Amino acid sequence: MQVKYLELRLPARKTMSPRRTRNLAGIIIFYLVVNEATIEAMEEKGKKLSGYLIELLTSVLGERVKIITPTGISSRGCQVSFTLHSVPTREVND
């Protein structure tokens, strides 16, 4: 993310309380994030994360998991559907 600088002009001898400074910092950060977060970027990130989840499930559970979601990145979305065969819930949660 490229850092952008915003100029804040205050009247002479005007100070801001720490509370107002925190609120303003939150607004500026939100503005910068929203400008960088396009639908395409979020979709790409979601596909990468779903691919990571598929790899993680298959490496940890092997034959005991069946991935229903298409494995090709162009044919799958950001959701991962799978079924577990004789896997204790505690093992999946850990």
N, C-alpha and C. Protein backbone atom coordinates (compact mmCIF):
# COMPACT_ATOMS: atom_id res chain seq x y z
N MET A 1 0.85 -1.17 0.00
CA MET A 1 0.00 0.00 0.00
C MET A 1 0.89 1.23 0.00
N GLN A 2 0.64 2.13 -0.89
CA GLN A 2 1.42 3.36 -0.96
C GLN A 2 0.92 4.32 0.11
N VAL A 3 1.83 4.91 0.86
CA VAL A 3 1.46 5.83 1.92
C VAL A 3 1.12 7.18 1.30
N LYS A 4 -0.01 7.71 1.70
CA LYS A 4 -0.44 9.02 1.22
C LYS A 4 -0.49 9.95 2.42
N TYR A 5 -0.08 11.17 2.22
CA TYR A 5 -0.08 12.14 3.30
C TYR A 5 -1.24 13.10 3.11
N LEU A 6 -1.98 13.29 4.17
CA LEU A 6 -3.09 14.23 4.16
C LEU A 6 -2.72 15.43 5.01
N GLU A 7 -2.98 16.60 4.49
CA GLU A 7 -2.66 17.82 5.23
C GLU A 7 -3.87 18.24 6.03
N LEU A 8 -3.65 18.49 7.30
CA LEU A 8 -4.72 18.93 8.18
C LEU A 8 -4.45 20.37 8.57
N ARG A 9 -5.35 21.24 8.24
CA ARG A 9 -5.18 22.66 8.54
C ARG A 9 -6.04 23.02 9.75
N LEU A 10 -5.39 23.47 10.80
CA LEU A 10 -6.08 23.91 12.01
C LEU A 10 -5.91 25.41 12.16
N PRO A 11 -6.88 26.05 12.76
CA PRO A 11 -6.73 27.48 13.02
C PRO A 11 -5.52 27.72 13.92
N ALA A 12 -4.96 28.91 13.84
CA ALA A 12 -3.78 29.24 14.65
C ALA A 12 -4.10 29.04 16.13
N ARG A 13 -3.12 28.49 16.87
CA ARG A 13 -3.23 28.24 18.30
C ARG A 13 -4.37 27.28 18.67
N LYS A 14 -4.76 26.46 17.74
CA LYS A 14 -5.82 25.47 18.01
C LYS A 14 -5.15 24.11 18.19
N THR A 15 -5.47 23.44 19.26
CA THR A 15 -4.92 22.11 19.49
C THR A 15 -6.05 21.09 19.48
N MET A 16 -5.67 19.85 19.27
CA MET A 16 -6.66 18.78 19.26
C MET A 16 -6.44 17.90 20.48
N SER A 17 -7.53 17.50 21.09
CA SER A 17 -7.43 16.60 22.23
C SER A 17 -7.02 15.21 21.73
N PRO A 18 -6.43 14.40 22.61
CA PRO A 18 -6.05 13.04 22.19
C PRO A 18 -7.23 12.23 21.66
N ARG A 19 -8.40 12.43 22.24
CA ARG A 19 -9.58 11.69 21.78
C ARG A 19 -9.92 12.06 20.35
N ARG A 20 -9.92 13.35 20.04
CA ARG A 20 -10.22 13.77 18.66
C ARG A 20 -9.14 13.31 17.70
N THR A 21 -7.88 13.29 18.17
CA THR A 21 -6.78 12.82 17.33
C THR A 21 -6.97 11.35 16.98
N ARG A 22 -7.34 10.52 17.97
CA ARG A 22 -7.59 9.10 17.70
C ARG A 22 -8.73 8.92 16.72
N ASN A 23 -9.81 9.68 16.91
CA ASN A 23 -10.95 9.57 16.00
C ASN A 23 -10.55 9.95 14.58
N LEU A 24 -9.79 11.00 14.45
CA LEU A 24 -9.34 11.44 13.13
C LEU A 24 -8.41 10.41 12.50
N ALA A 25 -7.53 9.82 13.30
CA ALA A 25 -6.62 8.79 12.78
C ALA A 25 -7.42 7.60 12.26
N GLY A 26 -8.46 7.21 12.97
CA GLY A 26 -9.30 6.11 12.50
C GLY A 26 -9.98 6.42 11.19
N ILE A 27 -10.45 7.63 11.03
CA ILE A 27 -11.10 8.04 9.78
C ILE A 27 -10.10 8.04 8.63
N ILE A 28 -8.91 8.52 8.87
CA ILE A 28 -7.88 8.55 7.82
C ILE A 28 -7.50 7.14 7.41
N ILE A 29 -7.30 6.24 8.38
CA ILE A 29 -6.94 4.86 8.06
C ILE A 29 -8.06 4.19 7.28
N PHE A 30 -9.31 4.41 7.70
CA PHE A 30 -10.45 3.84 6.98
C PHE A 30 -10.46 4.34 5.53
N TYR A 31 -10.22 5.62 5.34
CA TYR A 31 -10.20 6.20 4.00
C TYR A 31 -9.12 5.54 3.13
N LEU A 32 -7.93 5.36 3.68
CA LEU A 32 -6.84 4.75 2.92
C LEU A 32 -7.13 3.29 2.58
N VAL A 33 -7.69 2.55 3.53
CA VAL A 33 -7.99 1.14 3.29
C VAL A 33 -9.09 0.99 2.25
N VAL A 34 -10.14 1.78 2.35
CA VAL A 34 -11.25 1.68 1.42
C VAL A 34 -10.80 2.02 0.00
N ASN A 35 -9.92 2.98 -0.14
CA ASN A 35 -9.44 3.34 -1.48
C ASN A 35 -8.59 2.25 -2.10
N GLU A 36 -7.91 1.44 -1.29
CA GLU A 36 -7.07 0.36 -1.80
C GLU A 36 -7.86 -0.93 -1.97
N ALA A 37 -8.95 -1.11 -1.25
CA ALA A 37 -9.70 -2.37 -1.25
C ALA A 37 -10.74 -2.36 -2.36
N THR A 38 -10.34 -2.78 -3.55
CA THR A 38 -11.28 -2.90 -4.65
C THR A 38 -11.92 -4.28 -4.61
N ILE A 39 -13.02 -4.44 -5.32
CA ILE A 39 -13.69 -5.73 -5.39
C ILE A 39 -12.76 -6.78 -5.97
N GLU A 40 -12.02 -6.41 -6.98
CA GLU A 40 -11.10 -7.36 -7.63
C GLU A 40 -10.01 -7.82 -6.66
N ALA A 41 -9.47 -6.88 -5.88
CA ALA A 41 -8.42 -7.22 -4.92
C ALA A 41 -8.96 -8.13 -3.82
N MET A 42 -10.18 -7.85 -3.35
CA MET A 42 -10.77 -8.70 -2.32
C MET A 42 -11.09 -10.09 -2.86
N GLU A 43 -11.55 -10.17 -4.11
CA GLU A 43 -11.84 -11.47 -4.72
C GLU A 43 -10.56 -12.28 -4.89
N GLU A 44 -9.49 -11.64 -5.33
CA GLU A 44 -8.21 -12.33 -5.49
C GLU A 44 -7.69 -12.84 -4.14
N LYS A 45 -7.80 -12.02 -3.11
CA LYS A 45 -7.36 -12.43 -1.77
C LYS A 45 -8.20 -13.60 -1.27
N GLY A 46 -9.51 -13.56 -1.52
CA GLY A 46 -10.39 -14.64 -1.10
C GLY A 46 -10.05 -15.95 -1.79
N LYS A 47 -9.71 -15.89 -3.07
CA LYS A 47 -9.33 -17.10 -3.80
C LYS A 47 -8.01 -17.66 -3.28
N LYS A 48 -7.08 -16.79 -2.94
CA LYS A 48 -5.81 -17.26 -2.38
C LYS A 48 -6.04 -17.92 -1.02
N LEU A 49 -6.89 -17.32 -0.19
CA LEU A 49 -7.17 -17.89 1.12
C LEU A 49 -7.91 -19.22 1.01
N SER A 50 -8.84 -19.32 0.07
CA SER A 50 -9.55 -20.60 -0.09
C SER A 50 -8.59 -21.67 -0.61
N GLY A 51 -7.66 -21.31 -1.48
CA GLY A 51 -6.65 -22.26 -1.95
C GLY A 51 -5.77 -22.73 -0.81
N TYR A 52 -5.42 -21.81 0.07
CA TYR A 52 -4.61 -22.17 1.24
C TYR A 52 -5.37 -23.14 2.15
N LEU A 53 -6.67 -22.88 2.35
CA LEU A 53 -7.47 -23.76 3.18
C LEU A 53 -7.56 -25.16 2.58
N ILE A 54 -7.72 -25.25 1.27
CA ILE A 54 -7.78 -26.56 0.60
C ILE A 54 -6.46 -27.30 0.80
N GLU A 55 -5.35 -26.62 0.61
CA GLU A 55 -4.04 -27.25 0.81
C GLU A 55 -3.86 -27.71 2.26
N LEU A 56 -4.28 -26.88 3.20
CA LEU A 56 -4.14 -27.21 4.61
C LEU A 56 -4.99 -28.43 4.98
N LEU A 57 -6.23 -28.46 4.52
CA LEU A 57 -7.11 -29.59 4.82
C LEU A 57 -6.56 -30.89 4.24
N THR A 58 -6.11 -30.84 3.00
CA THR A 58 -5.61 -32.07 2.37
C THR A 58 -4.29 -32.52 2.98
N SER A 59 -3.46 -31.59 3.39
CA SER A 59 -2.17 -32.00 3.99
C SER A 59 -2.34 -32.56 5.39
N VAL A 60 -3.28 -32.02 6.15
CA VAL A 60 -3.48 -32.49 7.52
C VAL A 60 -4.36 -33.73 7.58
N LEU A 61 -5.45 -33.73 6.81
CA LEU A 61 -6.42 -34.81 6.92
C LEU A 61 -6.30 -35.86 5.81
N GLY A 62 -5.64 -35.55 4.74
CA GLY A 62 -5.39 -36.52 3.66
C GLY A 62 -6.65 -37.12 3.07
N GLU A 63 -6.75 -38.44 3.12
CA GLU A 63 -7.88 -39.17 2.52
C GLU A 63 -9.17 -39.02 3.32
N ARG A 64 -9.08 -38.49 4.53
CA ARG A 64 -10.27 -38.38 5.37
C ARG A 64 -11.12 -37.15 5.05
N VAL A 65 -10.67 -36.33 4.12
CA VAL A 65 -11.44 -35.16 3.70
C VAL A 65 -11.69 -35.23 2.21
N LYS A 66 -12.91 -34.87 1.82
CA LYS A 66 -13.25 -34.80 0.40
C LYS A 66 -13.60 -33.36 0.09
N ILE A 67 -12.82 -32.74 -0.79
CA ILE A 67 -13.06 -31.36 -1.17
C ILE A 67 -14.12 -31.35 -2.27
N ILE A 68 -15.23 -30.69 -2.04
CA ILE A 68 -16.31 -30.61 -3.02
C ILE A 68 -16.09 -29.44 -3.97
N THR A 69 -15.54 -28.37 -3.47
CA THR A 69 -15.25 -27.18 -4.26
C THR A 69 -14.27 -27.51 -5.38
N PRO A 70 -14.49 -26.99 -6.60
CA PRO A 70 -13.51 -27.21 -7.67
C PRO A 70 -12.13 -26.72 -7.25
N THR A 71 -11.09 -27.47 -7.61
CA THR A 71 -9.74 -27.10 -7.19
C THR A 71 -9.09 -26.07 -8.10
N GLY A 72 -9.57 -25.93 -9.32
CA GLY A 72 -9.01 -24.93 -10.23
C GLY A 72 -9.37 -23.53 -9.79
N ILE A 73 -8.38 -22.65 -9.75
CA ILE A 73 -8.60 -21.30 -9.23
C ILE A 73 -9.60 -20.51 -10.09
N SER A 74 -9.65 -20.79 -11.39
CA SER A 74 -10.57 -20.05 -12.25
C SER A 74 -12.01 -20.55 -12.11
N SER A 75 -12.19 -21.78 -11.62
CA SER A 75 -13.54 -22.33 -11.52
C SER A 75 -14.10 -22.30 -10.10
N ARG A 76 -13.31 -21.87 -9.13
CA ARG A 76 -13.82 -21.81 -7.76
C ARG A 76 -13.91 -20.35 -7.31
N GLY A 77 -14.80 -20.13 -6.40
CA GLY A 77 -14.92 -18.80 -5.81
C GLY A 77 -14.10 -18.74 -4.53
N CYS A 78 -14.63 -18.02 -3.56
CA CYS A 78 -13.92 -17.86 -2.29
C CYS A 78 -14.42 -18.83 -1.23
N GLN A 79 -15.47 -19.59 -1.54
CA GLN A 79 -16.03 -20.52 -0.57
C GLN A 79 -15.43 -21.90 -0.77
N VAL A 80 -15.20 -22.62 0.33
CA VAL A 80 -14.68 -23.98 0.27
C VAL A 80 -15.71 -24.90 0.91
N SER A 81 -16.14 -25.91 0.15
CA SER A 81 -17.06 -26.91 0.67
C SER A 81 -16.33 -28.24 0.73
N PHE A 82 -16.51 -28.95 1.84
CA PHE A 82 -15.84 -30.24 2.00
C PHE A 82 -16.65 -31.11 2.94
N THR A 83 -16.38 -32.41 2.88
CA THR A 83 -16.97 -33.36 3.81
C THR A 83 -15.85 -34.10 4.52
N LEU A 84 -16.12 -34.49 5.75
CA LEU A 84 -15.14 -35.22 6.54
C LEU A 84 -15.63 -36.65 6.74
N HIS A 85 -14.71 -37.60 6.65
CA HIS A 85 -15.02 -39.01 6.83
C HIS A 85 -14.31 -39.53 8.07
N SER A 86 -15.07 -39.89 9.07
CA SER A 86 -14.58 -40.45 10.34
C SER A 86 -13.44 -39.61 10.95
N VAL A 87 -13.69 -38.32 11.04
CA VAL A 87 -12.73 -37.41 11.65
C VAL A 87 -13.38 -36.81 12.90
N PRO A 88 -12.80 -36.99 14.07
CA PRO A 88 -13.37 -36.37 15.27
C PRO A 88 -13.35 -34.85 15.16
N THR A 89 -14.41 -34.24 15.62
CA THR A 89 -14.54 -32.78 15.56
C THR A 89 -13.39 -32.09 16.29
N ARG A 90 -12.98 -32.66 17.39
CA ARG A 90 -11.88 -32.07 18.17
C ARG A 90 -10.61 -31.96 17.33
N GLU A 91 -10.33 -32.96 16.49
CA GLU A 91 -9.14 -32.93 15.66
C GLU A 91 -9.19 -31.80 14.63
N VAL A 92 -10.37 -31.54 14.09
CA VAL A 92 -10.52 -30.46 13.11
C VAL A 92 -10.37 -29.11 13.78
N ASN A 93 -10.93 -28.95 14.96
CA ASN A 93 -10.86 -27.67 15.68
C ASN A 93 -9.46 -27.36 16.18
N ASP A 94 -8.66 -28.38 16.46
CA ASP A 94 -7.31 -28.15 16.95
C ASP A 94 -6.43 -27.78 15.79
